[in-house]
């Protein structure tokens, strides 16, 4: 995310959510990348759903977030995972 996109996204998050709040993250990764997604959410329970052909896994995490800044930090860390798709 560049600074402009980050500030726009932060504004949208703050307009929609009252932090702290439970925020739902959804990602799609290959099976071998699920552990990397797990590390984004230590001590949290994640939901995994394999694709019909088993090549990809949908990962959902509903996590208490203290602020929009923390949500953005998670997305920036997730972006470092090769091939990840954020929904």
N, C-alpha and C. Protein backbone atom coordinates (compact mmCIF):
# COMPACT_ATOMS: atom_id res chain seq x y z
N UNK A 1 0.83 -1.18 0.00
CA UNK A 1 0.00 0.00 0.00
C UNK A 1 0.87 1.24 0.00
N UNK A 2 0.53 2.16 -0.84
CA UNK A 2 1.26 3.42 -0.78
C UNK A 2 0.57 4.34 0.24
N UNK A 3 1.16 5.47 0.52
CA UNK A 3 0.63 6.36 1.56
C UNK A 3 -0.79 6.83 1.26
N UNK A 4 -1.07 7.12 -0.02
CA UNK A 4 -2.41 7.59 -0.38
C UNK A 4 -3.45 6.49 -0.13
N UNK A 5 -3.16 5.29 -0.62
CA UNK A 5 -4.10 4.18 -0.43
C UNK A 5 -4.27 3.86 1.04
N UNK A 6 -3.19 3.90 1.78
CA UNK A 6 -3.25 3.62 3.20
C UNK A 6 -4.14 4.63 3.92
N UNK A 7 -3.98 5.91 3.61
CA UNK A 7 -4.79 6.93 4.28
C UNK A 7 -6.26 6.80 3.89
N UNK A 8 -6.55 6.48 2.64
CA UNK A 8 -7.92 6.27 2.20
C UNK A 8 -8.54 5.06 2.89
N UNK A 9 -7.77 3.97 2.97
CA UNK A 9 -8.25 2.75 3.62
C UNK A 9 -8.48 3.00 5.11
N UNK A 10 -7.56 3.71 5.75
CA UNK A 10 -7.70 4.05 7.17
C UNK A 10 -8.99 4.85 7.39
N UNK A 11 -9.24 5.80 6.54
CA UNK A 11 -10.46 6.61 6.66
C UNK A 11 -11.70 5.73 6.54
N UNK A 12 -11.71 4.82 5.56
CA UNK A 12 -12.85 3.92 5.38
C UNK A 12 -13.04 3.03 6.61
N UNK A 13 -11.94 2.49 7.10
CA UNK A 13 -12.03 1.65 8.30
C UNK A 13 -12.61 2.42 9.47
N UNK A 14 -12.12 3.63 9.68
CA UNK A 14 -12.59 4.45 10.81
C UNK A 14 -14.04 4.89 10.63
N UNK A 15 -14.47 5.07 9.38
CA UNK A 15 -15.86 5.44 9.12
C UNK A 15 -16.82 4.27 9.37
N UNK A 16 -16.37 3.06 9.05
CA UNK A 16 -17.24 1.88 9.14
C UNK A 16 -17.22 1.23 10.52
N UNK A 17 -16.05 1.22 11.16
CA UNK A 17 -15.89 0.48 12.42
C UNK A 17 -15.67 1.42 13.60
N UNK A 18 -16.13 0.98 14.76
CA UNK A 18 -15.82 1.66 16.02
C UNK A 18 -14.78 0.80 16.74
N UNK A 19 -13.55 1.22 16.70
CA UNK A 19 -12.46 0.46 17.33
C UNK A 19 -12.40 0.75 18.81
N UNK A 20 -12.04 -0.27 19.60
CA UNK A 20 -11.68 -1.64 19.22
C UNK A 20 -12.92 -2.42 18.77
N UNK A 21 -12.68 -3.35 17.86
CA UNK A 21 -13.76 -4.18 17.32
C UNK A 21 -13.19 -5.48 16.78
N UNK A 22 -14.07 -6.45 16.61
CA UNK A 22 -13.67 -7.69 15.95
C UNK A 22 -13.68 -7.41 14.45
N UNK A 23 -12.54 -7.67 13.82
CA UNK A 23 -12.38 -7.42 12.39
C UNK A 23 -12.15 -8.76 11.70
N UNK A 24 -12.81 -8.97 10.57
CA UNK A 24 -12.66 -10.22 9.83
C UNK A 24 -11.69 -10.04 8.66
N UNK A 25 -10.62 -10.83 8.70
CA UNK A 25 -9.64 -10.88 7.62
C UNK A 25 -9.93 -12.13 6.80
N UNK A 26 -9.82 -12.01 5.47
CA UNK A 26 -9.97 -13.17 4.59
C UNK A 26 -8.83 -13.15 3.58
N UNK A 27 -8.18 -14.30 3.48
CA UNK A 27 -7.07 -14.45 2.55
C UNK A 27 -7.22 -15.75 1.78
N UNK A 28 -6.63 -15.79 0.61
CA UNK A 28 -6.51 -17.02 -0.16
C UNK A 28 -5.02 -17.24 -0.40
N UNK A 29 -4.57 -18.46 -0.06
CA UNK A 29 -3.16 -18.82 -0.22
C UNK A 29 -3.06 -20.26 -0.71
N UNK A 30 -1.88 -20.64 -1.14
CA UNK A 30 -1.64 -22.05 -1.43
C UNK A 30 -1.43 -22.77 -0.10
N UNK A 31 -1.63 -24.06 -0.12
CA UNK A 31 -1.54 -24.87 1.11
C UNK A 31 -0.24 -24.64 1.87
N UNK A 32 0.86 -24.49 1.15
CA UNK A 32 2.16 -24.33 1.81
C UNK A 32 2.35 -22.96 2.46
N UNK A 33 1.42 -22.04 2.27
CA UNK A 33 1.54 -20.70 2.86
C UNK A 33 0.62 -20.50 4.07
N UNK A 34 -0.16 -21.52 4.45
CA UNK A 34 -1.08 -21.34 5.57
C UNK A 34 -0.35 -21.06 6.88
N UNK A 35 0.79 -21.65 7.07
CA UNK A 35 1.56 -21.40 8.31
C UNK A 35 1.98 -19.94 8.41
N UNK A 36 2.33 -19.35 7.29
CA UNK A 36 2.72 -17.93 7.29
C UNK A 36 1.53 -17.05 7.68
N UNK A 37 0.33 -17.42 7.23
CA UNK A 37 -0.87 -16.67 7.62
C UNK A 37 -1.14 -16.86 9.11
N UNK A 38 -0.95 -18.09 9.59
CA UNK A 38 -1.12 -18.38 11.03
C UNK A 38 -0.29 -17.44 11.88
N UNK A 39 0.91 -17.17 11.45
CA UNK A 39 1.83 -16.33 12.22
C UNK A 39 1.36 -14.87 12.31
N UNK A 40 0.49 -14.46 11.41
CA UNK A 40 -0.07 -13.11 11.48
C UNK A 40 -1.01 -12.96 12.67
N UNK A 41 -1.57 -14.09 13.12
CA UNK A 41 -2.60 -14.07 14.16
C UNK A 41 -2.27 -15.06 15.28
N UNK A 42 -1.19 -14.81 16.02
CA UNK A 42 -0.84 -15.74 17.10
C UNK A 42 -1.96 -15.80 18.14
N UNK A 43 -2.16 -16.98 18.69
CA UNK A 43 -3.17 -17.21 19.73
C UNK A 43 -4.59 -16.94 19.24
N UNK A 44 -4.83 -17.07 17.94
CA UNK A 44 -6.17 -16.88 17.39
C UNK A 44 -6.61 -18.14 16.67
N UNK A 45 -7.89 -18.35 16.64
CA UNK A 45 -8.45 -19.49 15.94
C UNK A 45 -8.82 -19.06 14.53
N UNK A 46 -8.28 -19.75 13.55
CA UNK A 46 -8.54 -19.41 12.15
C UNK A 46 -9.39 -20.50 11.52
N UNK A 47 -10.14 -20.13 10.51
CA UNK A 47 -10.99 -21.06 9.78
C UNK A 47 -10.37 -21.29 8.40
N UNK A 48 -10.20 -22.56 8.02
CA UNK A 48 -9.59 -22.91 6.75
C UNK A 48 -10.60 -23.64 5.88
N UNK A 49 -10.66 -23.27 4.61
CA UNK A 49 -11.54 -23.95 3.68
C UNK A 49 -10.77 -24.19 2.38
N UNK A 50 -10.50 -25.46 2.07
CA UNK A 50 -9.77 -25.74 0.82
C UNK A 50 -10.64 -25.50 -0.40
N UNK A 51 -10.01 -25.13 -1.50
CA UNK A 51 -10.74 -24.94 -2.75
C UNK A 51 -11.19 -26.31 -3.26
N UNK A 52 -12.08 -26.31 -4.22
CA UNK A 52 -12.65 -27.57 -4.73
C UNK A 52 -11.58 -28.50 -5.29
N UNK A 53 -10.53 -27.94 -5.88
CA UNK A 53 -9.45 -28.78 -6.42
C UNK A 53 -8.30 -28.93 -5.44
N UNK A 54 -8.38 -28.27 -4.29
CA UNK A 54 -7.38 -28.42 -3.25
C UNK A 54 -6.09 -27.65 -3.46
N UNK A 55 -6.06 -26.82 -4.48
CA UNK A 55 -4.83 -26.07 -4.76
C UNK A 55 -4.68 -24.86 -3.83
N UNK A 56 -5.80 -24.29 -3.43
CA UNK A 56 -5.79 -23.09 -2.60
C UNK A 56 -6.57 -23.32 -1.31
N UNK A 57 -6.31 -22.46 -0.34
CA UNK A 57 -7.02 -22.50 0.92
C UNK A 57 -7.50 -21.09 1.24
N UNK A 58 -8.77 -20.99 1.60
CA UNK A 58 -9.32 -19.73 2.08
C UNK A 58 -9.13 -19.71 3.59
N UNK A 59 -8.55 -18.62 4.09
CA UNK A 59 -8.29 -18.49 5.52
C UNK A 59 -9.07 -17.29 6.04
N UNK A 60 -9.87 -17.52 7.07
CA UNK A 60 -10.65 -16.46 7.69
C UNK A 60 -10.23 -16.32 9.14
N UNK A 61 -9.97 -15.09 9.55
CA UNK A 61 -9.61 -14.80 10.94
C UNK A 61 -10.47 -13.65 11.43
N UNK A 62 -11.23 -13.90 12.49
CA UNK A 62 -12.00 -12.84 13.14
C UNK A 62 -11.27 -12.51 14.43
N UNK A 63 -10.67 -11.33 14.45
CA UNK A 63 -9.74 -10.98 15.53
C UNK A 63 -10.08 -9.60 16.09
N UNK A 64 -9.97 -9.46 17.40
CA UNK A 64 -10.17 -8.15 18.03
C UNK A 64 -9.02 -7.23 17.63
N UNK A 65 -9.36 -6.13 17.01
CA UNK A 65 -8.37 -5.15 16.58
C UNK A 65 -8.55 -3.87 17.38
N UNK A 66 -7.46 -3.34 17.92
CA UNK A 66 -7.55 -2.14 18.73
C UNK A 66 -7.75 -0.85 17.92
N UNK A 67 -7.32 -0.89 16.64
CA UNK A 67 -7.37 0.33 15.84
C UNK A 67 -7.26 0.01 14.35
N UNK A 68 -7.62 0.98 13.54
CA UNK A 68 -7.46 0.82 12.10
C UNK A 68 -5.98 0.70 11.73
N UNK A 69 -5.12 1.36 12.49
CA UNK A 69 -3.68 1.26 12.23
C UNK A 69 -3.20 -0.18 12.35
N UNK A 70 -3.72 -0.90 13.34
CA UNK A 70 -3.32 -2.30 13.54
C UNK A 70 -3.83 -3.17 12.39
N UNK A 71 -5.02 -2.90 11.90
CA UNK A 71 -5.56 -3.63 10.75
C UNK A 71 -4.63 -3.43 9.55
N UNK A 72 -4.23 -2.21 9.32
CA UNK A 72 -3.35 -1.90 8.20
C UNK A 72 -2.00 -2.58 8.37
N UNK A 73 -1.48 -2.63 9.59
CA UNK A 73 -0.21 -3.33 9.85
C UNK A 73 -0.32 -4.80 9.46
N UNK A 74 -1.44 -5.43 9.81
CA UNK A 74 -1.64 -6.85 9.47
C UNK A 74 -1.62 -7.03 7.96
N UNK A 75 -2.34 -6.17 7.24
CA UNK A 75 -2.36 -6.27 5.78
C UNK A 75 -0.97 -6.05 5.18
N UNK A 76 -0.20 -5.15 5.74
CA UNK A 76 1.16 -4.91 5.24
C UNK A 76 2.04 -6.13 5.47
N UNK A 77 1.89 -6.78 6.63
CA UNK A 77 2.65 -8.01 6.90
C UNK A 77 2.19 -9.13 5.97
N UNK A 78 0.89 -9.22 5.75
CA UNK A 78 0.35 -10.26 4.87
C UNK A 78 0.87 -10.11 3.44
N UNK A 79 1.03 -8.87 3.03
CA UNK A 79 1.51 -8.60 1.67
C UNK A 79 2.88 -9.22 1.40
N UNK A 80 3.64 -9.48 2.45
CA UNK A 80 4.97 -10.08 2.31
C UNK A 80 4.91 -11.57 2.01
N UNK A 81 3.73 -12.18 2.17
CA UNK A 81 3.56 -13.61 1.89
C UNK A 81 3.35 -13.78 0.39
N UNK A 82 4.24 -14.51 -0.22
CA UNK A 82 4.22 -14.67 -1.68
C UNK A 82 2.90 -15.30 -2.15
N UNK A 83 2.26 -14.64 -3.11
CA UNK A 83 1.06 -15.16 -3.74
C UNK A 83 -0.23 -14.97 -2.97
N UNK A 84 -0.18 -14.31 -1.83
CA UNK A 84 -1.40 -14.14 -1.03
C UNK A 84 -2.39 -13.22 -1.73
N UNK A 85 -3.67 -13.54 -1.56
CA UNK A 85 -4.75 -12.70 -2.07
C UNK A 85 -5.58 -12.29 -0.87
N UNK A 86 -5.74 -11.01 -0.67
CA UNK A 86 -6.57 -10.49 0.42
C UNK A 86 -7.94 -10.16 -0.14
N UNK A 87 -8.96 -10.59 0.54
CA UNK A 87 -10.33 -10.30 0.09
C UNK A 87 -10.95 -9.23 0.93
